């Protein structure tokens, strides 16, 4: 029997945001990660790491890219 409701929690707010964004905006996540893949280099990685995301979607994309 599957539960009807579950609660996801973690101390890492960025991880929770990534989960929420994947759930709500998977197409945009895939597009953003494809963009990062096409630009991937040591320089791009560090630029992304130092950047301040403009919104929660970009923050989630960057979070996943930087940890992949």
PDB file of N, CA and C in Angstrom:
ATOM      1  N   UNK A   1       0.843  -1.183   0.000  1.00  0.00           N
ATOM      2  CA  UNK A   1       0.000   0.000   0.000  1.00  0.00           C
ATOM      3  C   UNK A   1       0.885   1.241   0.000  1.00  0.00           C
ATOM      4  N   UNK A   2       0.662   2.113  -0.952  1.00  0.00           N
ATOM      5  CA  UNK A   2       1.434   3.345  -1.071  1.00  0.00           C
ATOM      6  C   UNK A   2       0.824   4.430  -0.204  1.00  0.00           C
ATOM      7  N   UNK A   3       1.658   5.250   0.419  1.00  0.00           N
ATOM      8  CA  UNK A   3       1.108   6.359   1.208  1.00  0.00           C
ATOM      9  C   UNK A   3       0.454   7.389   0.286  1.00  0.00           C
ATOM     10  N   UNK A   4      -0.568   8.036   0.779  1.00  0.00           N
ATOM     11  CA  UNK A   4      -1.254   9.063  -0.005  1.00  0.00           C
ATOM     12  C   UNK A   4      -0.510  10.390   0.030  1.00  0.00           C
ATOM     13  N   UNK A   5       0.293  10.581   1.045  1.00  0.00           N
ATOM     14  CA  UNK A   5       1.012  11.838   1.200  1.00  0.00           C
ATOM     15  C   UNK A   5       2.373  11.548   1.811  1.00  0.00           C
ATOM     16  N   UNK A   6       3.361  12.322   1.405  1.00  0.00           N
ATOM     17  CA  UNK A   6       4.699  12.202   1.964  1.00  0.00           C
ATOM     18  C   UNK A   6       5.258  13.602   2.181  1.00  0.00           C
ATOM     19  N   UNK A   7       6.145  13.716   3.129  1.00  0.00           N
ATOM     20  CA  UNK A   7       6.789  14.999   3.418  1.00  0.00           C
ATOM     21  C   UNK A   7       8.277  14.840   3.145  1.00  0.00           C
ATOM     22  N   UNK A   8       8.802  15.702   2.309  1.00  0.00           N
ATOM     23  CA  UNK A   8      10.215  15.708   1.980  1.00  0.00           C
ATOM     24  C   UNK A   8      10.861  16.861   2.728  1.00  0.00           C
ATOM     25  N   UNK A   9      11.926  16.569   3.443  1.00  0.00           N
ATOM     26  CA  UNK A   9      12.618  17.646   4.146  1.00  0.00           C
ATOM     27  C   UNK A   9      14.108  17.371   4.145  1.00  0.00           C
ATOM     28  N   UNK A  10      14.875  18.437   4.260  1.00  0.00           N
ATOM     29  CA  UNK A  10      16.323  18.343   4.339  1.00  0.00           C
ATOM     30  C   UNK A  10      16.817  19.676   4.869  1.00  0.00           C
ATOM     31  N   UNK A  11      17.952  19.671   5.508  1.00  0.00           N
ATOM     32  CA  UNK A  11      18.536  20.907   6.024  1.00  0.00           C
ATOM     33  C   UNK A  11      19.086  21.775   4.888  1.00  0.00           C
ATOM     34  N   UNK A  12      19.352  21.153   3.729  1.00  0.00           N
ATOM     35  CA  UNK A  12      19.909  21.859   2.578  1.00  0.00           C
ATOM     36  C   UNK A  12      18.773  22.461   1.743  1.00  0.00           C
ATOM     37  N   UNK A  13      18.575  23.759   1.875  1.00  0.00           N
ATOM     38  CA  UNK A  13      17.507  24.452   1.145  1.00  0.00           C
ATOM     39  C   UNK A  13      17.674  24.344  -0.366  1.00  0.00           C
ATOM     40  N   UNK A  14      18.912  24.332  -0.833  1.00  0.00           N
ATOM     41  CA  UNK A  14      19.154  24.250  -2.271  1.00  0.00           C
ATOM     42  C   UNK A  14      18.705  22.895  -2.830  1.00  0.00           C
ATOM     43  N   UNK A  15      18.901  21.843  -2.060  1.00  0.00           N
ATOM     44  CA  UNK A  15      18.460  20.513  -2.480  1.00  0.00           C
ATOM     45  C   UNK A  15      16.940  20.457  -2.577  1.00  0.00           C
ATOM     46  N   UNK A  16      16.256  21.008  -1.598  1.00  0.00           N
ATOM     47  CA  UNK A  16      14.800  21.035  -1.623  1.00  0.00           C
ATOM     48  C   UNK A  16      14.304  21.874  -2.797  1.00  0.00           C
ATOM     49  N   UNK A  17      14.934  23.027  -3.034  1.00  0.00           N
ATOM     50  CA  UNK A  17      14.549  23.851  -4.182  1.00  0.00           C
ATOM     51  C   UNK A  17      14.732  23.081  -5.488  1.00  0.00           C
ATOM     52  N   UNK A  18      15.842  22.354  -5.623  1.00  0.00           N
ATOM     53  CA  UNK A  18      16.074  21.580  -6.846  1.00  0.00           C
ATOM     54  C   UNK A  18      14.963  20.554  -7.039  1.00  0.00           C
ATOM     55  N   UNK A  19      14.572  19.878  -5.970  1.00  0.00           N
ATOM     56  CA  UNK A  19      13.484  18.897  -6.061  1.00  0.00           C
ATOM     57  C   UNK A  19      12.180  19.570  -6.519  1.00  0.00           C
ATOM     58  N   UNK A  20      11.849  20.682  -5.913  1.00  0.00           N
ATOM     59  CA  UNK A  20      10.606  21.390  -6.252  1.00  0.00           C
ATOM     60  C   UNK A  20      10.639  21.850  -7.710  1.00  0.00           C
ATOM     61  N   UNK A  21      11.771  22.392  -8.139  1.00  0.00           N
ATOM     62  CA  UNK A  21      11.874  22.889  -9.517  1.00  0.00           C
ATOM     63  C   UNK A  21      11.802  21.750 -10.524  1.00  0.00           C
ATOM     64  N   UNK A  22      12.412  20.611 -10.204  1.00  0.00           N
ATOM     65  CA  UNK A  22      12.306  19.448 -11.099  1.00  0.00           C
ATOM     66  C   UNK A  22      10.849  19.023 -11.208  1.00  0.00           C
ATOM     67  N   UNK A  23      10.168  18.989 -10.095  1.00  0.00           N
ATOM     68  CA  UNK A  23       8.758  18.588 -10.074  1.00  0.00           C
ATOM     69  C   UNK A  23       7.892  19.544 -10.896  1.00  0.00           C
ATOM     70  N   UNK A  24       8.161  20.849 -10.785  1.00  0.00           N
ATOM     71  CA  UNK A  24       7.307  21.849 -11.419  1.00  0.00           C
ATOM     72  C   UNK A  24       7.772  22.287 -12.806  1.00  0.00           C
ATOM     73  N   UNK A  25       9.062  22.185 -13.093  1.00  0.00           N
ATOM     74  CA  UNK A  25       9.629  22.776 -14.321  1.00  0.00           C
ATOM     75  C   UNK A  25      10.654  21.860 -14.976  1.00  0.00           C
ATOM     76  N   UNK A  26      10.365  20.583 -15.079  1.00  0.00           N
ATOM     77  CA  UNK A  26      11.367  19.638 -15.566  1.00  0.00           C
ATOM     78  C   UNK A  26      11.888  20.016 -16.962  1.00  0.00           C
ATOM     79  N   UNK A  27      11.041  20.509 -17.830  1.00  0.00           N
ATOM     80  CA  UNK A  27      11.490  20.892 -19.175  1.00  0.00           C
ATOM     81  C   UNK A  27      12.527  22.007 -19.132  1.00  0.00           C
ATOM     82  N   UNK A  28      12.299  22.996 -18.286  1.00  0.00           N
ATOM     83  CA  UNK A  28      13.253  24.101 -18.151  1.00  0.00           C
ATOM     84  C   UNK A  28      14.555  23.621 -17.506  1.00  0.00           C
ATOM     85  N   UNK A  29      14.457  22.694 -16.581  1.00  0.00           N
ATOM     86  CA  UNK A  29      15.661  22.121 -15.960  1.00  0.00           C
ATOM     87  C   UNK A  29      16.497  21.417 -17.020  1.00  0.00           C
ATOM     88  N   UNK A  30      15.853  20.601 -17.840  1.00  0.00           N
ATOM     89  CA  UNK A  30      16.572  19.874 -18.898  1.00  0.00           C
ATOM     90  C   UNK A  30      17.226  20.851 -19.866  1.00  0.00           C
ATOM     91  N   UNK A  31      16.508  21.884 -20.272  1.00  0.00           N
ATOM     92  CA  UNK A  31      17.067  22.890 -21.188  1.00  0.00           C
ATOM     93  C   UNK A  31      18.264  23.601 -20.557  1.00  0.00           C
ATOM     94  N   UNK A  32      18.134  23.985 -19.301  1.00  0.00           N
ATOM     95  CA  UNK A  32      19.230  24.672 -18.619  1.00  0.00           C
ATOM     96  C   UNK A  32      20.460  23.797 -18.473  1.00  0.00           C
ATOM     97  N   UNK A  33      20.253  22.523 -18.160  1.00  0.00           N
ATOM     98  CA  UNK A  33      21.389  21.612 -18.034  1.00  0.00           C
ATOM     99  C   UNK A  33      22.038  21.344 -19.387  1.00  0.00           C
ATOM    100  N   UNK A  34      21.238  21.295 -20.445  1.00  0.00           N
ATOM    101  CA  UNK A  34      21.792  21.136 -21.796  1.00  0.00           C
ATOM    102  C   UNK A  34      22.647  22.344 -22.163  1.00  0.00           C
ATOM    103  N   UNK A  35      22.176  23.538 -21.765  1.00  0.00           N
ATOM    104  CA  UNK A  35      22.963  24.748 -22.016  1.00  0.00           C
ATOM    105  C   UNK A  35      24.308  24.669 -21.295  1.00  0.00           C
ATOM    106  N   UNK A  36      24.271  24.276 -20.033  1.00  0.00           N
ATOM    107  CA  UNK A  36      25.525  24.142 -19.282  1.00  0.00           C
ATOM    108  C   UNK A  36      26.441  23.096 -19.927  1.00  0.00           C
ATOM    109  N   UNK A  37      25.861  21.990 -20.381  1.00  0.00           N
ATOM    110  CA  UNK A  37      26.668  20.944 -21.006  1.00  0.00           C
ATOM    111  C   UNK A  37      27.368  21.474 -22.253  1.00  0.00           C
ATOM    112  N   UNK A  38      26.655  22.276 -23.047  1.00  0.00           N
ATOM    113  CA  UNK A  38      27.261  22.794 -24.280  1.00  0.00           C
ATOM    114  C   UNK A  38      28.358  23.819 -23.998  1.00  0.00           C
ATOM    115  N   UNK A  39      28.283  24.481 -22.845  1.00  0.00           N
ATOM    116  CA  UNK A  39      29.272  25.501 -22.482  1.00  0.00           C
ATOM    117  C   UNK A  39      30.341  24.976 -21.528  1.00  0.00           C
ATOM    118  N   UNK A  40      30.221  23.720 -21.132  1.00  0.00           N
ATOM    119  CA  UNK A  40      31.059  23.194 -20.059  1.00  0.00           C
ATOM    120  C   UNK A  40      32.556  23.356 -20.332  1.00  0.00           C
ATOM    121  N   UNK A  41      33.213  23.928 -19.354  1.00  0.00           N
ATOM    122  CA  UNK A  41      34.668  24.063 -19.319  1.00  0.00           C
ATOM    123  C   UNK A  41      35.015  24.421 -17.886  1.00  0.00           C
ATOM    124  N   UNK A  42      36.283  24.412 -17.590  1.00  0.00           N
ATOM    125  CA  UNK A  42      36.716  24.797 -16.245  1.00  0.00           C
ATOM    126  C   UNK A  42      36.287  26.237 -15.949  1.00  0.00           C
ATOM    127  N   UNK A  43      36.457  27.117 -16.919  1.00  0.00           N
ATOM    128  CA  UNK A  43      36.087  28.528 -16.751  1.00  0.00           C
ATOM    129  C   UNK A  43      34.572  28.678 -16.535  1.00  0.00           C
ATOM    130  N   UNK A  44      33.780  27.976 -17.340  1.00  0.00           N
ATOM    131  CA  UNK A  44      32.322  28.068 -17.199  1.00  0.00           C
ATOM    132  C   UNK A  44      31.875  27.550 -15.829  1.00  0.00           C
ATOM    133  N   UNK A  45      32.479  26.466 -15.378  1.00  0.00           N
ATOM    134  CA  UNK A  45      32.134  25.912 -14.064  1.00  0.00           C
ATOM    135  C   UNK A  45      32.351  26.958 -12.972  1.00  0.00           C
ATOM    136  N   UNK A  46      33.517  27.587 -12.976  1.00  0.00           N
ATOM    137  CA  UNK A  46      33.818  28.574 -11.930  1.00  0.00           C
ATOM    138  C   UNK A  46      32.968  29.838 -12.063  1.00  0.00           C
ATOM    139  N   UNK A  47      32.653  30.238 -13.285  1.00  0.00           N
ATOM    140  CA  UNK A  47      31.761  31.383 -13.471  1.00  0.00           C
ATOM    141  C   UNK A  47      30.372  31.072 -12.923  1.00  0.00           C
ATOM    142  N   UNK A  48      29.898  29.884 -13.185  1.00  0.00           N
ATOM    143  CA  UNK A  48      28.580  29.469 -12.680  1.00  0.00           C
ATOM    144  C   UNK A  48      28.599  29.397 -11.161  1.00  0.00           C
ATOM    145  N   UNK A  49      29.657  28.856 -10.612  1.00  0.00           N
ATOM    146  CA  UNK A  49      29.779  28.731  -9.154  1.00  0.00           C
ATOM    147  C   UNK A  49      29.760  30.098  -8.478  1.00  0.00           C
ATOM    148  N   UNK A  50      30.365  31.091  -9.103  1.00  0.00           N
ATOM    149  CA  UNK A  50      30.452  32.428  -8.519  1.00  0.00           C
ATOM    150  C   UNK A  50      29.228  33.305  -8.795  1.00  0.00           C
ATOM    151  N   UNK A  51      28.398  32.891  -9.747  1.00  0.00           N
ATOM    152  CA  UNK A  51      27.239  33.701 -10.145  1.00  0.00           C
ATOM    153  C   UNK A  51      26.145  33.666  -9.077  1.00  0.00           C
ATOM    154  N   UNK A  52      25.377  34.729  -9.030  1.00  0.00           N
ATOM    155  CA  UNK A  52      24.201  34.795  -8.164  1.00  0.00           C
ATOM    156  C   UNK A  52      22.986  34.536  -9.055  1.00  0.00           C
ATOM    157  N   UNK A  53      22.273  33.434  -8.824  1.00  0.00           N
ATOM    158  CA  UNK A  53      21.117  33.112  -9.673  1.00  0.00           C
ATOM    159  C   UNK A  53      20.030  34.180  -9.563  1.00  0.00           C
ATOM    160  N   UNK A  54      19.346  34.427 -10.673  1.00  0.00           N
ATOM    161  CA  UNK A  54      18.308  35.460 -10.697  1.00  0.00           C
ATOM    162  C   UNK A  54      16.979  34.978 -10.124  1.00  0.00           C
ATOM    163  N   UNK A  55      16.780  33.654 -10.069  1.00  0.00           N
ATOM    164  CA  UNK A  55      15.537  33.115  -9.512  1.00  0.00           C
ATOM    165  C   UNK A  55      15.758  31.679  -9.042  1.00  0.00           C
ATOM    166  N   UNK A  56      14.720  31.085  -8.483  1.00  0.00           N
ATOM    167  CA  UNK A  56      14.843  29.743  -7.918  1.00  0.00           C
ATOM    168  C   UNK A  56      15.078  28.682  -8.991  1.00  0.00           C
ATOM    169  N   UNK A  57      14.525  28.882 -10.189  1.00  0.00           N
ATOM    170  CA  UNK A  57      14.739  27.932 -11.278  1.00  0.00           C
ATOM    171  C   UNK A  57      16.213  27.915 -11.681  1.00  0.00           C
ATOM    172  N   UNK A  58      16.787  29.082 -11.886  1.00  0.00           N
ATOM    173  CA  UNK A  58      18.206  29.154 -12.244  1.00  0.00           C
ATOM    174  C   UNK A  58      19.068  28.595 -11.118  1.00  0.00           C
ATOM    175  N   UNK A  59      18.698  28.857  -9.879  1.00  0.00           N
ATOM    176  CA  UNK A  59      19.440  28.328  -8.737  1.00  0.00           C
ATOM    177  C   UNK A  59      19.439  26.801  -8.758  1.00  0.00           C
ATOM    178  N   UNK A  60      18.290  26.198  -9.087  1.00  0.00           N
ATOM    179  CA  UNK A  60      18.197  24.742  -9.148  1.00  0.00           C
ATOM    180  C   UNK A  60      19.044  24.181 -10.277  1.00  0.00           C
ATOM    181  N   UNK A  61      18.990  24.812 -11.438  1.00  0.00           N
ATOM    182  CA  UNK A  61      19.788  24.359 -12.580  1.00  0.00           C
ATOM    183  C   UNK A  61      21.274  24.411 -12.237  1.00  0.00           C
ATOM    184  N   UNK A  62      21.701  25.524 -11.669  1.00  0.00           N
ATOM    185  CA  UNK A  62      23.105  25.677 -11.286  1.00  0.00           C
ATOM    186  C   UNK A  62      23.503  24.660 -10.221  1.00  0.00           C
ATOM    187  N   UNK A  63      22.642  24.438  -9.248  1.00  0.00           N
ATOM    188  CA  UNK A  63      22.911  23.478  -8.180  1.00  0.00           C
ATOM    189  C   UNK A  63      23.170  22.086  -8.767  1.00  0.00           C
ATOM    190  N   UNK A  64      22.304  21.658  -9.676  1.00  0.00           N
ATOM    191  CA  UNK A  64      22.463  20.332 -10.279  1.00  0.00           C
ATOM    192  C   UNK A  64      23.722  20.275 -11.135  1.00  0.00           C
ATOM    193  N   UNK A  65      23.940  21.305 -11.955  1.00  0.00           N
ATOM    194  CA  UNK A  65      25.137  21.335 -12.809  1.00  0.00           C
ATOM    195  C   UNK A  65      26.418  21.260 -11.990  1.00  0.00           C
ATOM    196  N   UNK A  66      26.492  22.042 -10.946  1.00  0.00           N
ATOM    197  CA  UNK A  66      27.718  22.108 -10.162  1.00  0.00           C
ATOM    198  C   UNK A  66      27.998  20.814  -9.390  1.00  0.00           C
ATOM    199  N   UNK A  67      26.998  19.991  -9.204  1.00  0.00           N
ATOM    200  CA  UNK A  67      27.178  18.758  -8.446  1.00  0.00           C
ATOM    201  C   UNK A  67      27.184  17.503  -9.311  1.00  0.00           C
ATOM    202  N   UNK A  68      27.007  17.670 -10.618  1.00  0.00           N
ATOM    203  CA  UNK A  68      26.963  16.512 -11.513  1.00  0.00           C
ATOM    204  C   UNK A  68      28.348  16.051 -11.892  1.00  0.00           C
TER     205      UNK A  68
END
